[in-house]
């Protein structure tokens, strides 16, 4: 299964990339997030955990940064109870900012 979503952000790709690789921005991107670790800037090989609250249930998952190409691509492997997925964010410049 594949899910795609695109947004245009009125900022240059470098600024969008910097926002997304700062783990302290996770809560702004995922409102179901209860807690996460570690805090700081992502790098390839960095691993962490998420705790999310959805529909009255608490879910725990782990994540690992598998690829970073500044300022155009972020890839993270996520594993939870009964699932694995790869989340990829790509950024490209447009006339009005960044298509992410």
C-alpha atoms as a PDB file:
ATOM      1  CA  UNK A   1       0.000   0.000   0.000  1.00  0.00           C
ATOM      2  CA  UNK A   2       1.197   3.504  -0.734  1.00  0.00           C
ATOM      3  CA  UNK A   3      -0.181   6.786   0.573  1.00  0.00           C
ATOM      4  CA  UNK A   4       0.854  10.095  -0.993  1.00  0.00           C
ATOM      5  CA  UNK A   5       0.224  13.630   0.141  1.00  0.00           C
ATOM      6  CA  UNK A   6       1.681  16.836  -1.282  1.00  0.00           C
ATOM      7  CA  UNK A   7       1.735  20.318   0.172  1.00  0.00           C
ATOM      8  CA  UNK A   8       3.315  23.550  -0.963  1.00  0.00           C
ATOM      9  CA  UNK A   9       5.148  25.476   1.742  1.00  0.00           C
ATOM     10  CA  UNK A  10       6.052  29.149   1.369  1.00  0.00           C
ATOM     11  CA  UNK A  11       9.651  28.516   2.437  1.00  0.00           C
ATOM     12  CA  UNK A  12      12.773  27.374   0.550  1.00  0.00           C
ATOM     13  CA  UNK A  13      13.585  23.626   0.518  1.00  0.00           C
ATOM     14  CA  UNK A  14      16.483  24.121   2.970  1.00  0.00           C
ATOM     15  CA  UNK A  15      14.128  25.616   5.581  1.00  0.00           C
ATOM     16  CA  UNK A  16      11.547  22.838   5.134  1.00  0.00           C
ATOM     17  CA  UNK A  17      14.290  20.198   5.373  1.00  0.00           C
ATOM     18  CA  UNK A  18      15.700  21.789   8.552  1.00  0.00           C
ATOM     19  CA  UNK A  19      12.217  21.832  10.128  1.00  0.00           C
ATOM     20  CA  UNK A  20      11.564  18.170   9.298  1.00  0.00           C
ATOM     21  CA  UNK A  21      14.934  16.843  10.526  1.00  0.00           C
ATOM     22  CA  UNK A  22      14.535  18.584  13.896  1.00  0.00           C
ATOM     23  CA  UNK A  23      12.827  15.949  16.066  1.00  0.00           C
ATOM     24  CA  UNK A  24      11.417  18.745  18.232  1.00  0.00           C
ATOM     25  CA  UNK A  25       9.143  19.513  15.219  1.00  0.00           C
ATOM     26  CA  UNK A  26       7.511  16.050  15.357  1.00  0.00           C
ATOM     27  CA  UNK A  27       4.570  17.247  17.470  1.00  0.00           C
ATOM     28  CA  UNK A  28       3.702  19.934  14.907  1.00  0.00           C
ATOM     29  CA  UNK A  29       3.588  17.314  12.153  1.00  0.00           C
ATOM     30  CA  UNK A  30       1.753  14.544  14.082  1.00  0.00           C
ATOM     31  CA  UNK A  31      -0.903  15.735  16.510  1.00  0.00           C
ATOM     32  CA  UNK A  32      -1.422  12.194  17.856  1.00  0.00           C
ATOM     33  CA  UNK A  33       2.125  12.195  19.246  1.00  0.00           C
ATOM     34  CA  UNK A  34       2.295  11.886  23.030  1.00  0.00           C
ATOM     35  CA  UNK A  35       6.074  11.562  23.375  1.00  0.00           C
ATOM     36  CA  UNK A  36       9.200  10.766  21.387  1.00  0.00           C
ATOM     37  CA  UNK A  37      12.913  10.421  21.810  1.00  0.00           C
ATOM     38  CA  UNK A  38      15.593  11.457  21.205  1.00  0.00           C
ATOM     39  CA  UNK A  39      15.377  15.211  20.931  1.00  0.00           C
ATOM     40  CA  UNK A  40      17.632  16.909  18.400  1.00  0.00           C
ATOM     41  CA  UNK A  41      18.626  16.799  14.742  1.00  0.00           C
ATOM     42  CA  UNK A  42      18.300  13.641  12.672  1.00  0.00           C
ATOM     43  CA  UNK A  43      21.303  11.926  11.122  1.00  0.00           C
ATOM     44  CA  UNK A  44      21.562   8.649   9.213  1.00  0.00           C
ATOM     45  CA  UNK A  45      21.461   5.782  11.702  1.00  0.00           C
ATOM     46  CA  UNK A  46      19.679   7.780  14.416  1.00  0.00           C
ATOM     47  CA  UNK A  47      17.066   5.633  16.161  1.00  0.00           C
ATOM     48  CA  UNK A  48      14.219   6.586  18.423  1.00  0.00           C
ATOM     49  CA  UNK A  49      10.734   5.856  19.703  1.00  0.00           C
ATOM     50  CA  UNK A  50       7.249   7.333  19.298  1.00  0.00           C
ATOM     51  CA  UNK A  51       4.266   7.031  21.605  1.00  0.00           C
ATOM     52  CA  UNK A  52       1.020   7.998  19.891  1.00  0.00           C
ATOM     53  CA  UNK A  53      -2.578   8.155  21.084  1.00  0.00           C
ATOM     54  CA  UNK A  54      -5.187   7.214  18.479  1.00  0.00           C
ATOM     55  CA  UNK A  55      -8.843   6.415  19.037  1.00  0.00           C
ATOM     56  CA  UNK A  56      -8.306   5.902  22.749  1.00  0.00           C
ATOM     57  CA  UNK A  57      -5.381   3.522  22.292  1.00  0.00           C
ATOM     58  CA  UNK A  58      -1.703   4.100  22.957  1.00  0.00           C
ATOM     59  CA  UNK A  59       0.712   2.794  20.328  1.00  0.00           C
ATOM     60  CA  UNK A  60       4.476   2.558  20.607  1.00  0.00           C
ATOM     61  CA  UNK A  61       6.778   2.364  17.614  1.00  0.00           C
ATOM     62  CA  UNK A  62      10.451   2.674  16.792  1.00  0.00           C
ATOM     63  CA  UNK A  63      12.059   4.609  13.979  1.00  0.00           C
ATOM     64  CA  UNK A  64      15.452   4.826  12.282  1.00  0.00           C
ATOM     65  CA  UNK A  65      16.743   7.401   9.821  1.00  0.00           C
ATOM     66  CA  UNK A  66      17.913   5.463   6.761  1.00  0.00           C
ATOM     67  CA  UNK A  67      18.602   8.287   4.316  1.00  0.00           C
ATOM     68  CA  UNK A  68      19.155  12.056   4.349  1.00  0.00           C
ATOM     69  CA  UNK A  69      19.903  14.085   1.223  1.00  0.00           C
ATOM     70  CA  UNK A  70      20.000  17.754   2.130  1.00  0.00           C
ATOM     71  CA  UNK A  71      17.780  19.560   1.152  1.00  0.00           C
ATOM     72  CA  UNK A  72      15.666  17.187  -0.913  1.00  0.00           C
ATOM     73  CA  UNK A  73      14.966  13.812   0.760  1.00  0.00           C
ATOM     74  CA  UNK A  74      14.392  12.182   4.157  1.00  0.00           C
ATOM     75  CA  UNK A  75      13.716   8.475   4.608  1.00  0.00           C
ATOM     76  CA  UNK A  76      12.756   6.872   7.913  1.00  0.00           C
ATOM     77  CA  UNK A  77      11.958   3.213   8.679  1.00  0.00           C
ATOM     78  CA  UNK A  78       9.144   2.851  11.223  1.00  0.00           C
ATOM     79  CA  UNK A  79       8.217  -0.334  13.066  1.00  0.00           C
ATOM     80  CA  UNK A  80       5.339  -0.962  15.411  1.00  0.00           C
ATOM     81  CA  UNK A  81       3.410  -3.881  16.751  1.00  0.00           C
ATOM     82  CA  UNK A  82       2.362  -5.785  13.645  1.00  0.00           C
ATOM     83  CA  UNK A  83       3.591  -3.355  10.997  1.00  0.00           C
ATOM     84  CA  UNK A  84       6.617  -1.902   9.248  1.00  0.00           C
ATOM     85  CA  UNK A  85       6.642   1.068   6.911  1.00  0.00           C
ATOM     86  CA  UNK A  86       8.979   3.482   5.205  1.00  0.00           C
ATOM     87  CA  UNK A  87       8.191   7.172   5.356  1.00  0.00           C
ATOM     88  CA  UNK A  88       9.785   9.308   2.655  1.00  0.00           C
ATOM     89  CA  UNK A  89       9.646  13.094   2.425  1.00  0.00           C
ATOM     90  CA  UNK A  90      10.883  14.810  -0.715  1.00  0.00           C
ATOM     91  CA  UNK A  91      11.277  18.538  -1.171  1.00  0.00           C
ATOM     92  CA  UNK A  92      11.635  20.457  -4.429  1.00  0.00           C
ATOM     93  CA  UNK A  93      11.754  24.164  -5.113  1.00  0.00           C
ATOM     94  CA  UNK A  94       8.811  25.872  -6.788  1.00  0.00           C
ATOM     95  CA  UNK A  95       8.263  29.476  -7.771  1.00  0.00           C
ATOM     96  CA  UNK A  96       6.458  30.053  -4.471  1.00  0.00           C
ATOM     97  CA  UNK A  97       8.550  27.935  -2.089  1.00  0.00           C
ATOM     98  CA  UNK A  98       8.747  24.163  -1.710  1.00  0.00           C
ATOM     99  CA  UNK A  99       6.638  21.265  -2.881  1.00  0.00           C
ATOM    100  CA  UNK A 100       6.854  18.626  -0.151  1.00  0.00           C
END
